[in-house]
Every structure is written in C-alpha cells, then in structure tokens.
Amino acid sequence: MPLIENGRAVADRWVSLADDAALPAEGGVIVSFARWQAERDALLARSAPLGVRLPSTVSAGAVAPDLERFALVVVEFPKFRDGRGFTTARELRERWGYTGEIRAVGNIIADQYPLLVRCGVSTVEVPDGTDVETWARTLNTVTIAYQASVGEDEPLALLRRRVAAA
C-alpha cells in the first residue's frame, strides 16, 4: 500500500511482520502490540529500528514506558468514523512526548488527512490505486481550525483575539 507523508507518496522502509513470522536480523520491522509484549527482550536485542502496531483498543499509555525504543508507532483506524486513533496520536505527542514517526493505517479517508496531521500523525498508509494528489489537496483546503494542534498553527479563537486586540 502506498505511504503518504506531507501530501507526497514516499517509500516505505519498514516491514510489517506477522506474529508467527521469523524475526529478521536486519532492517526496520513493525510488530503487533501482542508480539511486543510476548517477545520484548528478543526485540530489544536487535540493533535495527523497531515499530509497534497499536490496535484501536490499546491506549497510548500502554506503550508509554517503552516509547524511546520505538522509531515508529502505527495507529490503527478500524473504521473511518472511529476517532480513537486521533486520540492515541495526540496523546503520544502531547502527553507522552513521543517524537518518532506516527503512522495511521486502516479505514481512513482523504478528508481526515488534515486532522491526522494536526493530531501528530507523520505518515498515512492509503489503499492501492489512491490518487495521492487528492490527499495533498486536502492539506490546503481548510487552513483554519477551531481546536489547538500539536503543530505550530493556531486555532481560530486565538486568531480572532489577536485581530480584536489589534
């Protein structure tokens, strides 16, 4: 599946491992949260980058003690109307101070892309055949938001106060 970062298609340097797949000696791998819990010591013994995949039923706090060990946290979106992934991404950034890559996977639509970025998501896995330009356009369609962001943009309420004070 294609990977989008900053509205552009990028190469995926990660390999997603099934829970029963052999652990390669080299290269970045993404393991399930269940596999991380079961094989934590073996995974930490590798010198290659490590990513963990969080199902929507697992909160960011479940991996918080180990965040410095992950170069990537994959957040699952089982349905496009399920907002738990947004909360997980935002908690990883704001509450737990995670600075690595956050990837959104699952049932995500292009209209959600700006919201994902505002919550701290770095990359989004999109279905094969996706028009990347559509995703890129959504980043610039609506540039004013009501709520605060993990980024540097400012919410509409703050902009209104600044205009009123001027």
N, C-alpha and C. Protein backbone atom coordinates (compact mmCIF):
# COMPACT_ATOMS: atom_id res chain seq x y z
N MET A 1 0.84 -1.18 0.00
CA MET A 1 0.00 0.00 0.00
C MET A 1 0.89 1.24 0.00
N PRO A 2 0.47 2.26 -0.73
CA PRO A 2 1.27 3.50 -0.75
C PRO A 2 1.28 4.20 0.61
N LEU A 3 2.32 4.94 0.82
CA LEU A 3 2.51 5.69 2.06
C LEU A 3 2.60 7.17 1.70
N ILE A 4 1.87 8.01 2.44
CA ILE A 4 1.86 9.45 2.17
C ILE A 4 2.45 10.18 3.37
N GLU A 5 3.34 11.13 3.06
CA GLU A 5 3.94 11.99 4.07
C GLU A 5 3.98 13.41 3.50
N ASN A 6 3.45 14.36 4.24
CA ASN A 6 3.38 15.76 3.79
C ASN A 6 2.73 15.89 2.41
N GLY A 7 1.73 15.08 2.14
CA GLY A 7 0.99 15.17 0.89
C GLY A 7 1.69 14.53 -0.30
N ARG A 8 2.78 13.82 -0.07
CA ARG A 8 3.52 13.17 -1.16
C ARG A 8 3.68 11.68 -0.88
N ALA A 9 3.72 10.91 -1.96
CA ALA A 9 3.99 9.48 -1.82
C ALA A 9 5.46 9.30 -1.46
N VAL A 10 5.72 8.45 -0.49
CA VAL A 10 7.09 8.16 -0.06
C VAL A 10 7.28 6.64 0.01
N ALA A 11 8.54 6.23 -0.06
CA ALA A 11 8.86 4.81 0.04
C ALA A 11 8.72 4.36 1.49
N ASP A 12 8.26 3.14 1.65
CA ASP A 12 8.12 2.57 2.98
C ASP A 12 9.37 1.76 3.29
N ARG A 13 10.10 2.16 4.31
CA ARG A 13 11.34 1.47 4.67
C ARG A 13 11.12 0.42 5.76
N TRP A 14 9.87 0.17 6.10
CA TRP A 14 9.52 -0.76 7.17
C TRP A 14 8.91 -2.03 6.60
N VAL A 15 9.09 -3.14 7.34
CA VAL A 15 8.47 -4.41 7.01
C VAL A 15 7.54 -4.78 8.16
N SER A 16 6.28 -5.03 7.84
CA SER A 16 5.32 -5.48 8.85
C SER A 16 5.43 -6.98 9.00
N LEU A 17 5.65 -7.43 10.23
CA LEU A 17 5.79 -8.86 10.49
C LEU A 17 4.51 -9.44 11.07
N ALA A 18 4.15 -10.60 10.58
CA ALA A 18 3.06 -11.35 11.20
C ALA A 18 3.57 -11.88 12.54
N ASP A 19 2.67 -12.17 13.44
CA ASP A 19 3.08 -12.64 14.76
C ASP A 19 3.86 -13.95 14.72
N ASP A 20 3.63 -14.77 13.70
CA ASP A 20 4.35 -16.04 13.61
C ASP A 20 5.54 -16.00 12.65
N ALA A 21 5.84 -14.83 12.08
CA ALA A 21 6.96 -14.71 11.13
C ALA A 21 8.29 -14.63 11.88
N ALA A 22 9.32 -15.16 11.24
CA ALA A 22 10.66 -15.11 11.82
C ALA A 22 11.14 -13.67 11.87
N LEU A 23 11.87 -13.35 12.89
CA LEU A 23 12.41 -12.01 13.09
C LEU A 23 13.70 -11.86 12.30
N PRO A 24 13.75 -10.97 11.31
CA PRO A 24 14.98 -10.80 10.54
C PRO A 24 16.07 -10.16 11.38
N ALA A 25 17.30 -10.41 11.01
CA ALA A 25 18.43 -9.86 11.76
C ALA A 25 18.61 -8.37 11.51
N GLU A 26 18.23 -7.92 10.33
CA GLU A 26 18.44 -6.51 9.97
C GLU A 26 17.15 -5.89 9.45
N GLY A 27 17.15 -4.57 9.40
CA GLY A 27 16.04 -3.83 8.83
C GLY A 27 14.96 -3.50 9.84
N GLY A 28 14.27 -2.39 9.58
CA GLY A 28 13.20 -1.96 10.46
C GLY A 28 11.98 -2.84 10.33
N VAL A 29 11.45 -3.27 11.45
CA VAL A 29 10.27 -4.13 11.45
C VAL A 29 9.18 -3.52 12.32
N ILE A 30 7.95 -3.81 11.92
CA ILE A 30 6.77 -3.42 12.69
C ILE A 30 6.16 -4.69 13.25
N VAL A 31 5.99 -4.72 14.57
CA VAL A 31 5.39 -5.88 15.21
C VAL A 31 4.09 -5.46 15.88
N SER A 32 3.22 -6.42 16.09
CA SER A 32 1.96 -6.14 16.79
C SER A 32 2.25 -5.84 18.25
N PHE A 33 1.30 -5.18 18.89
CA PHE A 33 1.43 -4.91 20.32
C PHE A 33 1.52 -6.23 21.10
N ALA A 34 0.75 -7.23 20.67
CA ALA A 34 0.78 -8.54 21.35
C ALA A 34 2.16 -9.18 21.23
N ARG A 35 2.77 -9.08 20.06
CA ARG A 35 4.10 -9.65 19.88
C ARG A 35 5.14 -8.87 20.70
N TRP A 36 4.98 -7.56 20.75
CA TRP A 36 5.89 -6.75 21.57
C TRP A 36 5.84 -7.22 23.02
N GLN A 37 4.66 -7.44 23.53
CA GLN A 37 4.52 -7.89 24.92
C GLN A 37 5.13 -9.28 25.12
N ALA A 38 4.94 -10.16 24.16
CA ALA A 38 5.41 -11.54 24.30
C ALA A 38 6.91 -11.70 24.08
N GLU A 39 7.48 -10.88 23.18
CA GLU A 39 8.89 -11.06 22.78
C GLU A 39 9.73 -9.82 23.03
N ARG A 40 9.39 -9.07 24.02
CA ARG A 40 10.04 -7.78 24.28
C ARG A 40 11.56 -7.88 24.33
N ASP A 41 12.10 -8.82 25.09
CA ASP A 41 13.55 -8.93 25.25
C ASP A 41 14.25 -9.27 23.93
N ALA A 42 13.68 -10.19 23.17
CA ALA A 42 14.28 -10.56 21.88
C ALA A 42 14.23 -9.38 20.90
N LEU A 43 13.16 -8.63 20.93
CA LEU A 43 13.03 -7.48 20.03
C LEU A 43 14.01 -6.38 20.42
N LEU A 44 14.22 -6.20 21.70
CA LEU A 44 15.16 -5.18 22.16
C LEU A 44 16.61 -5.57 21.88
N ALA A 45 16.88 -6.86 21.74
CA ALA A 45 18.25 -7.33 21.46
C ALA A 45 18.70 -6.99 20.04
N ARG A 46 17.75 -6.73 19.15
CA ARG A 46 18.10 -6.34 17.78
C ARG A 46 18.65 -4.93 17.78
N SER A 47 19.55 -4.66 16.84
CA SER A 47 20.09 -3.30 16.73
C SER A 47 19.38 -2.49 15.65
N ALA A 48 18.40 -3.09 14.98
CA ALA A 48 17.67 -2.42 13.90
C ALA A 48 16.47 -1.66 14.47
N PRO A 49 15.95 -0.69 13.69
CA PRO A 49 14.78 0.08 14.14
C PRO A 49 13.57 -0.82 14.39
N LEU A 50 12.76 -0.40 15.36
CA LEU A 50 11.60 -1.17 15.76
C LEU A 50 10.35 -0.30 15.75
N GLY A 51 9.27 -0.86 15.23
CA GLY A 51 7.97 -0.21 15.26
C GLY A 51 6.95 -1.12 15.90
N VAL A 52 5.92 -0.53 16.50
CA VAL A 52 4.86 -1.31 17.13
C VAL A 52 3.53 -0.85 16.56
N ARG A 53 2.63 -1.81 16.37
CA ARG A 53 1.30 -1.52 15.82
C ARG A 53 0.28 -1.61 16.94
N LEU A 54 -0.41 -0.49 17.18
CA LEU A 54 -1.42 -0.43 18.24
C LEU A 54 -2.82 -0.58 17.67
N PRO A 55 -3.55 -1.59 18.11
CA PRO A 55 -4.95 -1.66 17.71
C PRO A 55 -5.73 -0.54 18.39
N SER A 56 -6.91 -0.26 17.91
CA SER A 56 -7.69 0.85 18.46
C SER A 56 -8.11 0.60 19.90
N THR A 57 -8.04 -0.63 20.34
CA THR A 57 -8.42 -0.97 21.71
C THR A 57 -7.30 -0.76 22.73
N VAL A 58 -6.11 -0.41 22.25
CA VAL A 58 -4.96 -0.21 23.13
C VAL A 58 -4.63 1.28 23.19
N SER A 59 -4.53 1.83 24.38
CA SER A 59 -4.25 3.27 24.52
C SER A 59 -2.76 3.55 24.40
N ALA A 60 -2.44 4.80 24.18
CA ALA A 60 -1.04 5.23 24.08
C ALA A 60 -0.28 4.93 25.36
N GLY A 61 -0.95 5.01 26.47
CA GLY A 61 -0.30 4.76 27.75
C GLY A 61 0.25 3.35 27.89
N ALA A 62 -0.28 2.42 27.12
CA ALA A 62 0.18 1.03 27.19
C ALA A 62 1.61 0.88 26.69
N VAL A 63 2.05 1.76 25.81
CA VAL A 63 3.43 1.69 25.29
C VAL A 63 4.29 2.84 25.80
N ALA A 64 3.72 3.71 26.60
CA ALA A 64 4.44 4.90 27.08
C ALA A 64 5.78 4.57 27.74
N PRO A 65 5.87 3.55 28.59
CA PRO A 65 7.16 3.27 29.24
C PRO A 65 8.26 2.86 28.25
N ASP A 66 7.87 2.41 27.07
CA ASP A 66 8.84 1.91 26.09
C ASP A 66 8.96 2.80 24.85
N LEU A 67 8.37 3.96 24.85
CA LEU A 67 8.34 4.79 23.64
C LEU A 67 9.73 5.11 23.09
N GLU A 68 10.72 5.28 23.94
CA GLU A 68 12.05 5.63 23.44
C GLU A 68 12.66 4.48 22.64
N ARG A 69 12.10 3.30 22.73
CA ARG A 69 12.62 2.15 21.99
C ARG A 69 12.03 2.04 20.59
N PHE A 70 10.95 2.79 20.32
CA PHE A 70 10.26 2.69 19.04
C PHE A 70 10.61 3.87 18.13
N ALA A 71 10.99 3.56 16.90
CA ALA A 71 11.20 4.59 15.90
C ALA A 71 9.88 4.89 15.19
N LEU A 72 8.91 4.01 15.35
CA LEU A 72 7.62 4.13 14.67
C LEU A 72 6.52 3.55 15.55
N VAL A 73 5.40 4.26 15.64
CA VAL A 73 4.19 3.72 16.26
C VAL A 73 3.10 3.78 15.20
N VAL A 74 2.53 2.62 14.90
CA VAL A 74 1.45 2.52 13.92
C VAL A 74 0.14 2.51 14.68
N VAL A 75 -0.76 3.41 14.31
CA VAL A 75 -2.06 3.54 14.97
C VAL A 75 -3.13 3.06 14.00
N GLU A 76 -3.91 2.08 14.43
CA GLU A 76 -4.95 1.50 13.58
C GLU A 76 -6.26 2.28 13.66
N PHE A 77 -6.91 2.42 12.51
CA PHE A 77 -8.24 3.01 12.39
C PHE A 77 -9.15 1.95 11.78
N PRO A 78 -9.90 1.20 12.61
CA PRO A 78 -10.72 0.10 12.09
C PRO A 78 -11.89 0.57 11.22
N LYS A 79 -12.41 1.77 11.48
CA LYS A 79 -13.49 2.37 10.70
C LYS A 79 -13.18 3.85 10.56
N PHE A 80 -13.59 4.45 9.44
CA PHE A 80 -13.27 5.87 9.25
C PHE A 80 -13.97 6.76 10.26
N ARG A 81 -15.02 6.27 10.87
CA ARG A 81 -15.75 7.08 11.86
C ARG A 81 -15.30 6.80 13.29
N ASP A 82 -14.28 5.98 13.47
CA ASP A 82 -13.74 5.64 14.79
C ASP A 82 -12.63 6.63 15.13
N GLY A 83 -12.86 7.48 16.12
CA GLY A 83 -11.92 8.54 16.45
C GLY A 83 -10.84 8.19 17.45
N ARG A 84 -10.79 6.97 17.92
CA ARG A 84 -9.80 6.61 18.93
C ARG A 84 -8.36 6.78 18.43
N GLY A 85 -8.12 6.56 17.16
CA GLY A 85 -6.78 6.73 16.61
C GLY A 85 -6.29 8.16 16.69
N PHE A 86 -7.20 9.12 16.51
CA PHE A 86 -6.84 10.54 16.64
C PHE A 86 -6.38 10.82 18.07
N THR A 87 -7.13 10.28 19.03
CA THR A 87 -6.78 10.47 20.43
C THR A 87 -5.44 9.83 20.75
N THR A 88 -5.22 8.64 20.25
CA THR A 88 -3.96 7.94 20.50
C THR A 88 -2.78 8.74 19.96
N ALA A 89 -2.89 9.23 18.73
CA ALA A 89 -1.80 10.02 18.13
C ALA A 89 -1.52 11.28 18.94
N ARG A 90 -2.57 11.96 19.31
CA ARG A 90 -2.39 13.20 20.07
C ARG A 90 -1.79 12.93 21.45
N GLU A 91 -2.23 11.87 22.11
CA GLU A 91 -1.65 11.51 23.41
C GLU A 91 -0.17 11.16 23.28
N LEU A 92 0.17 10.42 22.22
CA LEU A 92 1.58 10.08 22.02
C LEU A 92 2.44 11.34 21.95
N ARG A 93 1.96 12.36 21.24
CA ARG A 93 2.74 13.59 21.08
C ARG A 93 2.68 14.48 22.33
N GLU A 94 1.49 14.77 22.80
CA GLU A 94 1.33 15.76 23.85
C GLU A 94 1.56 15.22 25.26
N ARG A 95 0.99 14.10 25.56
CA ARG A 95 1.10 13.58 26.92
C ARG A 95 2.41 12.83 27.16
N TRP A 96 2.83 12.03 26.16
CA TRP A 96 3.99 11.18 26.34
C TRP A 96 5.24 11.72 25.65
N GLY A 97 5.15 12.81 24.91
CA GLY A 97 6.31 13.45 24.31
C GLY A 97 7.00 12.65 23.23
N TYR A 98 6.27 11.79 22.56
CA TYR A 98 6.86 10.95 21.50
C TYR A 98 7.23 11.81 20.30
N THR A 99 8.45 11.67 19.82
CA THR A 99 8.93 12.48 18.69
C THR A 99 9.18 11.66 17.43
N GLY A 100 9.00 10.35 17.50
CA GLY A 100 9.22 9.50 16.34
C GLY A 100 8.05 9.56 15.37
N GLU A 101 8.10 8.69 14.38
CA GLU A 101 7.06 8.64 13.35
C GLU A 101 5.80 7.99 13.90
N ILE A 102 4.67 8.61 13.60
CA ILE A 102 3.36 8.00 13.89
C ILE A 102 2.70 7.76 12.55
N ARG A 103 2.29 6.53 12.32
CA ARG A 103 1.66 6.16 11.05
C ARG A 103 0.22 5.74 11.29
N ALA A 104 -0.68 6.27 10.48
CA ALA A 104 -2.09 5.89 10.54
C ALA A 104 -2.36 4.84 9.47
N VAL A 105 -3.04 3.76 9.85
CA VAL A 105 -3.39 2.70 8.91
C VAL A 105 -4.84 2.29 9.12
N GLY A 106 -5.45 1.76 8.07
CA GLY A 106 -6.81 1.27 8.19
C GLY A 106 -7.77 2.04 7.33
N ASN A 107 -8.98 2.18 7.82
CA ASN A 107 -10.05 2.85 7.08
C ASN A 107 -10.00 4.35 7.32
N ILE A 108 -9.23 5.03 6.50
CA ILE A 108 -9.04 6.47 6.59
C ILE A 108 -9.42 7.06 5.25
N ILE A 109 -10.11 8.20 5.27
CA ILE A 109 -10.47 8.86 4.02
C ILE A 109 -9.66 10.15 3.90
N ALA A 110 -9.54 10.63 2.68
CA ALA A 110 -8.72 11.82 2.41
C ALA A 110 -9.16 13.03 3.22
N ASP A 111 -10.44 13.18 3.47
CA ASP A 111 -10.94 14.32 4.25
C ASP A 111 -10.37 14.34 5.67
N GLN A 112 -9.93 13.21 6.17
CA GLN A 112 -9.40 13.13 7.53
C GLN A 112 -7.91 13.47 7.59
N TYR A 113 -7.26 13.55 6.44
CA TYR A 113 -5.82 13.75 6.42
C TYR A 113 -5.36 15.00 7.18
N PRO A 114 -5.97 16.18 6.97
CA PRO A 114 -5.52 17.35 7.74
C PRO A 114 -5.70 17.16 9.25
N LEU A 115 -6.75 16.48 9.64
CA LEU A 115 -6.98 16.24 11.07
C LEU A 115 -5.93 15.30 11.63
N LEU A 116 -5.55 14.31 10.86
CA LEU A 116 -4.49 13.40 11.30
C LEU A 116 -3.18 14.15 11.53
N VAL A 117 -2.84 15.02 10.59
CA VAL A 117 -1.61 15.81 10.71
C VAL A 117 -1.68 16.71 11.94
N ARG A 118 -2.83 17.33 12.18
CA ARG A 118 -3.00 18.19 13.36
C ARG A 118 -2.84 17.41 14.66
N CYS A 119 -3.14 16.12 14.64
CA CYS A 119 -3.01 15.29 15.84
C CYS A 119 -1.61 14.70 16.00
N GLY A 120 -0.74 14.93 15.02
CA GLY A 120 0.63 14.46 15.14
C GLY A 120 1.02 13.28 14.27
N VAL A 121 0.13 12.84 13.40
CA VAL A 121 0.44 11.73 12.51
C VAL A 121 1.45 12.20 11.46
N SER A 122 2.48 11.39 11.24
CA SER A 122 3.53 11.72 10.28
C SER A 122 3.24 11.15 8.89
N THR A 123 2.80 9.89 8.85
CA THR A 123 2.55 9.20 7.59
C THR A 123 1.21 8.49 7.64
N VAL A 124 0.64 8.29 6.45
CA VAL A 124 -0.65 7.61 6.33
C VAL A 124 -0.52 6.54 5.25
N GLU A 125 -0.92 5.33 5.59
CA GLU A 125 -0.96 4.24 4.61
C GLU A 125 -2.31 4.29 3.92
N VAL A 126 -2.30 4.42 2.60
CA VAL A 126 -3.54 4.55 1.83
C VAL A 126 -3.70 3.34 0.91
N PRO A 127 -4.92 3.05 0.47
CA PRO A 127 -5.15 1.88 -0.39
C PRO A 127 -4.46 2.01 -1.74
N ASP A 128 -4.14 0.87 -2.33
CA ASP A 128 -3.58 0.86 -3.68
C ASP A 128 -4.55 1.56 -4.62
N GLY A 129 -4.01 2.27 -5.60
CA GLY A 129 -4.83 2.99 -6.56
C GLY A 129 -5.30 4.35 -6.09
N THR A 130 -4.89 4.77 -4.92
CA THR A 130 -5.29 6.06 -4.37
C THR A 130 -4.63 7.19 -5.16
N ASP A 131 -5.39 8.24 -5.43
CA ASP A 131 -4.85 9.43 -6.08
C ASP A 131 -4.18 10.28 -5.00
N VAL A 132 -2.87 10.27 -4.97
CA VAL A 132 -2.12 10.99 -3.95
C VAL A 132 -2.40 12.49 -4.02
N GLU A 133 -2.65 13.01 -5.20
CA GLU A 133 -2.94 14.44 -5.35
C GLU A 133 -4.19 14.86 -4.57
N THR A 134 -5.16 13.99 -4.50
CA THR A 134 -6.36 14.27 -3.71
C THR A 134 -6.00 14.48 -2.26
N TRP A 135 -5.14 13.62 -1.74
CA TRP A 135 -4.71 13.73 -0.35
C TRP A 135 -3.91 15.01 -0.15
N ALA A 136 -3.05 15.34 -1.10
CA ALA A 136 -2.24 16.55 -0.99
C ALA A 136 -3.12 17.80 -0.97
N ARG A 137 -4.16 17.81 -1.80
CA ARG A 137 -5.06 18.98 -1.85
C ARG A 137 -5.81 19.18 -0.54
N THR A 138 -6.13 18.10 0.14
CA THR A 138 -6.89 18.25 1.38
C THR A 138 -6.10 18.98 2.46
N LEU A 139 -4.78 18.92 2.39
CA LEU A 139 -3.96 19.62 3.39
C LEU A 139 -4.14 21.13 3.32
N ASN A 140 -4.47 21.65 2.14
CA ASN A 140 -4.58 23.09 1.96
C ASN A 140 -6.00 23.58 1.73
N THR A 141 -6.98 22.69 1.80
CA THR A 141 -8.36 23.08 1.56
C THR A 141 -8.91 23.93 2.70
N VAL A 142 -8.78 23.45 3.90
CA VAL A 142 -9.24 24.19 5.08
C VAL A 142 -8.00 24.45 5.94
N THR A 143 -7.65 25.72 6.08
CA THR A 143 -6.41 26.06 6.78
C THR A 143 -6.65 26.66 8.16
N ILE A 144 -7.91 26.81 8.54
CA ILE A 144 -8.24 27.36 9.86
C ILE A 144 -8.98 26.28 10.64
N ALA A 145 -8.58 26.09 11.89
CA ALA A 145 -9.22 25.07 12.72
C ALA A 145 -9.72 25.71 14.02
N TYR A 146 -10.65 25.05 14.65
CA TYR A 146 -11.21 25.54 15.90
C TYR A 146 -10.41 25.09 17.12
N GLN A 147 -9.84 23.91 17.05
CA GLN A 147 -9.13 23.37 18.20
C GLN A 147 -7.62 23.53 18.04
N ALA A 148 -6.92 23.45 19.16
CA ALA A 148 -5.47 23.54 19.15
C ALA A 148 -4.88 22.32 18.45
N SER A 149 -3.63 22.44 18.03
CA SER A 149 -2.96 21.40 17.30
C SER A 149 -1.63 21.07 17.95
N VAL A 150 -1.07 19.91 17.61
CA VAL A 150 0.28 19.60 18.07
C VAL A 150 1.30 20.31 17.20
N GLY A 151 0.86 20.88 16.09
CA GLY A 151 1.74 21.63 15.19
C GLY A 151 1.84 23.08 15.61
N GLU A 152 2.35 23.90 14.69
CA GLU A 152 2.58 25.31 15.01
C GLU A 152 1.42 26.22 14.62
N ASP A 153 0.42 25.69 13.92
CA ASP A 153 -0.71 26.54 13.53
C ASP A 153 -1.54 26.91 14.75
N GLU A 154 -2.30 27.97 14.61
CA GLU A 154 -3.07 28.48 15.74
C GLU A 154 -4.57 28.30 15.49
N PRO A 155 -5.33 28.01 16.54
CA PRO A 155 -6.77 27.84 16.36
C PRO A 155 -7.46 29.16 16.06
N LEU A 156 -8.63 29.08 15.49
CA LEU A 156 -9.40 30.25 15.09
C LEU A 156 -9.66 31.20 16.25
N ALA A 157 -9.96 30.68 17.42
CA ALA A 157 -10.26 31.53 18.58
C ALA A 157 -9.07 32.44 18.91
N LEU A 158 -7.86 31.92 18.83
CA LEU A 158 -6.68 32.73 19.11
C LEU A 158 -6.48 33.79 18.03
N LEU A 159 -6.72 33.42 16.78
CA LEU A 159 -6.60 34.40 15.69
C LEU A 159 -7.61 35.53 15.87
N ARG A 160 -8.84 35.18 16.27
CA ARG A 160 -9.87 36.20 16.49
C ARG A 160 -9.46 37.17 17.60
N ARG A 161 -8.89 36.64 18.69
CA ARG A 161 -8.46 37.50 19.78
C ARG A 161 -7.35 38.45 19.34
N ARG A 162 -6.43 37.96 18.55
CA ARG A 162 -5.34 38.81 18.07
C ARG A 162 -5.84 39.92 17.15
N VAL A 163 -6.80 39.59 16.29
CA VAL A 163 -7.37 40.59 15.39
C VAL A 163 -8.14 41.64 16.21
N ALA A 164 -8.89 41.21 17.19
CA ALA A 164 -9.66 42.13 18.03
C ALA A 164 -8.75 43.05 18.83
N ALA A 165 -7.61 42.54 19.26
CA ALA A 165 -6.68 43.34 20.05
C ALA A 165 -5.91 44.33 19.21
N ALA A 166 -5.82 44.10 17.92
CA ALA A 166 -5.01 44.97 17.05
C ALA A 166 -5.69 46.26 16.70
